[in-house]
PDB file of N, CA and C in Angstrom:
ATOM      1  N   MET A   1      10.470 -92.045  -4.114  1.00  0.00           N
ATOM      2  CA  MET A   1      11.959 -92.081  -3.932  1.00  0.00           C
ATOM      3  C   MET A   1      12.823 -90.982  -5.177  1.00  0.00           C
ATOM      4  N   MET A   2      12.584 -90.795  -6.044  1.00  0.00           N
ATOM      5  CA  MET A   2      13.084 -90.508  -7.359  1.00  0.00           C
ATOM      6  C   MET A   2      12.699 -89.019  -7.280  1.00  0.00           C
ATOM      7  N   TYR A   3      11.531 -88.691  -6.724  1.00  0.00           N
ATOM      8  CA  TYR A   3      10.826 -87.108  -6.586  1.00  0.00           C
ATOM      9  C   TYR A   3      11.308 -86.605  -5.481  1.00  0.00           C
ATOM     10  N   ASN A   4      11.574 -87.050  -4.277  1.00  0.00           N
ATOM     11  CA  ASN A   4      12.271 -86.567  -3.011  1.00  0.00           C
ATOM     12  C   ASN A   4      14.071 -85.906  -3.035  1.00  0.00           C
ATOM     13  N   LYS A   5      14.188 -87.014  -4.700  1.00  0.00           N
ATOM     14  CA  LYS A   5      15.794 -86.469  -4.861  1.00  0.00           C
ATOM     15  C   LYS A   5      15.686 -85.499  -6.013  1.00  0.00           C
ATOM     16  N   LYS A   6      15.222 -85.153  -6.289  1.00  0.00           N
ATOM     17  CA  LYS A   6      14.996 -83.634  -7.298  1.00  0.00           C
ATOM     18  C   LYS A   6      14.327 -83.119  -6.475  1.00  0.00           C
ATOM     19  N   ARG A   7      13.201 -83.404  -5.563  1.00  0.00           N
ATOM     20  CA  ARG A   7      13.208 -82.083  -4.747  1.00  0.00           C
ATOM     21  C   ARG A   7      14.245 -81.505  -3.833  1.00  0.00           C
ATOM     22  N   GLU A   8      15.620 -82.340  -3.548  1.00  0.00           N
ATOM     23  CA  GLU A   8      16.205 -81.649  -2.550  1.00  0.00           C
ATOM     24  C   GLU A   8      17.467 -81.472  -3.703  1.00  0.00           C
ATOM     25  N   TYR A   9      17.885 -81.579  -4.992  1.00  0.00           N
ATOM     26  CA  TYR A   9      18.452 -81.104  -5.646  1.00  0.00           C
ATOM     27  C   TYR A   9      17.920 -79.824  -6.202  1.00  0.00           C
ATOM     28  N   ILE A  10      16.494 -79.880  -6.044  1.00  0.00           N
ATOM     29  CA  ILE A  10      16.110 -78.244  -7.055  1.00  0.00           C
ATOM     30  C   ILE A  10      16.396 -77.210  -5.531  1.00  0.00           C
ATOM     31  N   GLN A  11      16.252 -77.904  -4.487  1.00  0.00           N
ATOM     32  CA  GLN A  11      16.509 -77.004  -2.599  1.00  0.00           C
ATOM     33  C   GLN A  11      17.758 -76.561  -2.934  1.00  0.00           C
ATOM     34  N   ASP A  12      18.574 -77.425  -3.584  1.00  0.00           N
ATOM     35  CA  ASP A  12      20.456 -77.377  -2.804  1.00  0.00           C
ATOM     36  C   ASP A  12      20.418 -76.365  -3.920  1.00  0.00           C
ATOM     37  N   ARG A  13      20.148 -76.331  -5.073  1.00  0.00           N
ATOM     38  CA  ARG A  13      20.873 -74.987  -6.252  1.00  0.00           C
ATOM     39  C   ARG A  13      19.828 -73.950  -5.482  1.00  0.00           C
ATOM     40  N   ARG A  14      18.544 -74.089  -5.166  1.00  0.00           N
ATOM     41  CA  ARG A  14      18.042 -72.527  -4.792  1.00  0.00           C
ATOM     42  C   ARG A  14      18.504 -71.845  -3.405  1.00  0.00           C
ATOM     43  N   ASP A  15      19.479 -72.644  -3.287  1.00  0.00           N
ATOM     44  CA  ASP A  15      20.037 -72.299  -1.687  1.00  0.00           C
ATOM     45  C   ASP A  15      21.587 -71.304  -2.028  1.00  0.00           C
ATOM     46  N   ASP A  16      21.811 -72.834  -3.294  1.00  0.00           N
ATOM     47  CA  ASP A  16      23.499 -71.418  -3.850  1.00  0.00           C
ATOM     48  C   ASP A  16      22.942 -70.192  -4.420  1.00  0.00           C
ATOM     49  N   GLU A  17      22.110 -70.458  -5.292  1.00  0.00           N
ATOM     50  CA  GLU A  17      21.200 -68.718  -6.173  1.00  0.00           C
ATOM     51  C   GLU A  17      21.107 -68.401  -5.087  1.00  0.00           C
ATOM     52  N   LEU A  18      20.616 -68.311  -4.272  1.00  0.00           N
ATOM     53  CA  LEU A  18      20.651 -66.993  -2.464  1.00  0.00           C
ATOM     54  C   LEU A  18      21.823 -66.808  -2.271  1.00  0.00           C
ATOM     55  N   ASP A  19      22.912 -68.259  -1.718  1.00  0.00           N
ATOM     56  CA  ASP A  19      24.067 -67.346  -1.211  1.00  0.00           C
ATOM     57  C   ASP A  19      24.721 -66.456  -2.316  1.00  0.00           C
ATOM     58  N   GLY A  20      24.319 -66.332  -3.667  1.00  0.00           N
ATOM     59  CA  GLY A  20      25.707 -65.629  -4.947  1.00  0.00           C
ATOM     60  C   GLY A  20      24.014 -64.415  -4.748  1.00  0.00           C
ATOM     61  N   ILE A  21      23.261 -64.039  -4.307  1.00  0.00           N
ATOM     62  CA  ILE A  21      22.994 -62.843  -4.499  1.00  0.00           C
ATOM     63  C   ILE A  21      22.941 -62.093  -3.137  1.00  0.00           C
ATOM     64  N   GLY A  22      23.331 -62.954  -1.949  1.00  0.00           N
ATOM     65  CA  GLY A  22      23.171 -62.328  -0.768  1.00  0.00           C
ATOM     66  C   GLY A  22      25.040 -61.928  -0.894  1.00  0.00           C
ATOM     67  N   ASN A  23      25.518 -62.662  -1.700  1.00  0.00           N
ATOM     68  CA  ASN A  23      26.959 -62.227  -1.590  1.00  0.00           C
ATOM     69  C   ASN A  23      27.042 -61.137  -2.723  1.00  0.00           C
ATOM     70  N   LEU A  24      26.358 -61.136  -3.240  1.00  0.00           N
ATOM     71  CA  LEU A  24      26.120 -59.954  -4.354  1.00  0.00           C
ATOM     72  C   LEU A  24      26.295 -58.280  -3.678  1.00  0.00           C
ATOM     73  N   MET A  25      24.463 -58.570  -2.795  1.00  0.00           N
ATOM     74  CA  MET A  25      23.427 -57.743  -1.952  1.00  0.00           C
ATOM     75  C   MET A  25      24.697 -56.978  -0.875  1.00  0.00           C
ATOM     76  N   GLN A  26      25.788 -57.990  -0.135  1.00  0.00           N
ATOM     77  CA  GLN A  26      26.943 -57.246   0.626  1.00  0.00           C
ATOM     78  C   GLN A  26      27.796 -56.903  -0.766  1.00  0.00           C
ATOM     79  N   LEU A  27      28.222 -57.438  -1.703  1.00  0.00           N
ATOM     80  CA  LEU A  27      29.178 -56.794  -2.090  1.00  0.00           C
ATOM     81  C   LEU A  27      28.698 -54.577  -2.890  1.00  0.00           C
ATOM     82  N   TYR A  28      27.596 -55.236  -2.953  1.00  0.00           N
ATOM     83  CA  TYR A  28      27.302 -53.396  -3.701  1.00  0.00           C
ATOM     84  C   TYR A  28      26.770 -52.492  -1.960  1.00  0.00           C
ATOM     85  N   LYS A  29      26.404 -53.565  -1.301  1.00  0.00           N
ATOM     86  CA  LYS A  29      26.071 -52.835   0.168  1.00  0.00           C
ATOM     87  C   LYS A  29      28.317 -51.887   0.492  1.00  0.00           C
ATOM     88  N   PHE A  30      28.517 -53.000   0.404  1.00  0.00           N
ATOM     89  CA  PHE A  30      30.690 -52.746   0.756  1.00  0.00           C
ATOM     90  C   PHE A  30      30.891 -51.317  -0.186  1.00  0.00           C
ATOM     91  N   ASN A  31      29.720 -51.534  -1.150  1.00  0.00           N
ATOM     92  CA  ASN A  31      30.504 -50.428  -2.531  1.00  0.00           C
ATOM     93  C   ASN A  31      29.873 -48.717  -1.839  1.00  0.00           C
ATOM     94  N   GLY A  32      28.752 -49.087  -1.180  1.00  0.00           N
ATOM     95  CA  GLY A  32      28.230 -48.504  -0.654  1.00  0.00           C
ATOM     96  C   GLY A  32      26.575 -47.209  -1.990  1.00  0.00           C
ATOM     97  N   ARG A  33      26.335 -48.713  -2.363  1.00  0.00           N
ATOM     98  CA  ARG A  33      25.516 -48.741  -3.135  1.00  0.00           C
ATOM     99  C   ARG A  33      23.757 -49.619  -2.222  1.00  0.00           C
ATOM    100  N   ASP A  34      23.102 -49.749  -3.154  1.00  0.00           N
ATOM    101  CA  ASP A  34      21.481 -50.153  -2.646  1.00  0.00           C
ATOM    102  C   ASP A  34      21.206 -51.318  -4.161  1.00  0.00           C
ATOM    103  N   VAL A  35      20.885 -52.272  -3.346  1.00  0.00           N
ATOM    104  CA  VAL A  35      20.800 -53.397  -4.602  1.00  0.00           C
ATOM    105  C   VAL A  35      19.616 -53.993  -4.681  1.00  0.00           C
ATOM    106  N   MET A  36      19.346 -54.070  -5.588  1.00  0.00           N
ATOM    107  CA  MET A  36      17.268 -55.026  -5.426  1.00  0.00           C
ATOM    108  C   MET A  36      17.874 -56.131  -6.073  1.00  0.00           C
ATOM    109  N   ALA A  37      17.225 -56.988  -5.263  1.00  0.00           N
ATOM    110  CA  ALA A  37      17.994 -58.289  -6.523  1.00  0.00           C
ATOM    111  C   ALA A  37      16.777 -59.490  -6.854  1.00  0.00           C
ATOM    112  N   LEU A  38      16.226 -59.408  -7.907  1.00  0.00           N
ATOM    113  CA  LEU A  38      14.720 -60.195  -8.941  1.00  0.00           C
ATOM    114  C   LEU A  38      15.040 -61.264  -9.324  1.00  0.00           C
ATOM    115  N   ASP A  39      14.044 -62.487  -9.113  1.00  0.00           N
ATOM    116  CA  ASP A  39      13.604 -63.378  -9.187  1.00  0.00           C
ATOM    117  C   ASP A  39      14.533 -63.830 -10.601  1.00  0.00           C
ATOM    118  N   ASN A  40      14.651 -62.822 -11.320  1.00  0.00           N
ATOM    119  CA  ASN A  40      15.547 -63.597 -12.219  1.00  0.00           C
ATOM    120  C   ASN A  40      15.978 -63.422 -13.133  1.00  0.00           C
ATOM    121  N   ASN A  41      17.252 -63.102 -11.965  1.00  0.00           N
ATOM    122  CA  ASN A  41      18.842 -62.453 -12.196  1.00  0.00           C
ATOM    123  C   ASN A  41      18.996 -61.345 -12.974  1.00  0.00           C
ATOM    124  N   VAL A  42      18.203 -60.197 -12.641  1.00  0.00           N
ATOM    125  CA  VAL A  42      18.133 -59.409 -13.614  1.00  0.00           C
ATOM    126  C   VAL A  42      18.971 -57.643 -11.382  1.00  0.00           C
ATOM    127  N   TYR A  43      19.763 -57.235 -12.010  1.00  0.00           N
ATOM    128  CA  TYR A  43      20.286 -56.807 -10.315  1.00  0.00           C
ATOM    129  C   TYR A  43      19.737 -55.241 -10.877  1.00  0.00           C
ATOM    130  N   PHE A  44      19.466 -53.994 -10.393  1.00  0.00           N
ATOM    131  CA  PHE A  44      19.243 -53.249 -10.283  1.00  0.00           C
ATOM    132  C   PHE A  44      20.332 -52.122  -9.061  1.00  0.00           C
ATOM    133  N   CYS A  45      20.441 -51.486  -9.344  1.00  0.00           N
ATOM    134  CA  CYS A  45      21.355 -50.901  -8.533  1.00  0.00           C
ATOM    135  C   CYS A  45      20.525 -49.318  -8.290  1.00  0.00           C
ATOM    136  N   THR A  46      20.761 -48.847  -7.112  1.00  0.00           N
ATOM    137  CA  THR A  46      20.252 -47.803  -6.744  1.00  0.00           C
ATOM    138  C   THR A  46      21.025 -46.797  -6.082  1.00  0.00           C
ATOM    139  N   ARG A  47      21.503 -45.439  -6.202  1.00  0.00           N
ATOM    140  CA  ARG A  47      22.555 -45.079  -5.648  1.00  0.00           C
ATOM    141  C   ARG A  47      21.682 -43.786  -4.316  1.00  0.00           C
TER     142      ARG A  47
END
């Protein structure tokens, strides 16, 4: 039971991080740039 709870928590955190990355990518697309988001939260902006 604790295991399932922990998995749900990790999944929720992961979804939040993906939402943040999606918002960032939209922001840079809006500014006319392409953005690559890596797993370690490092972002490269290419023109």
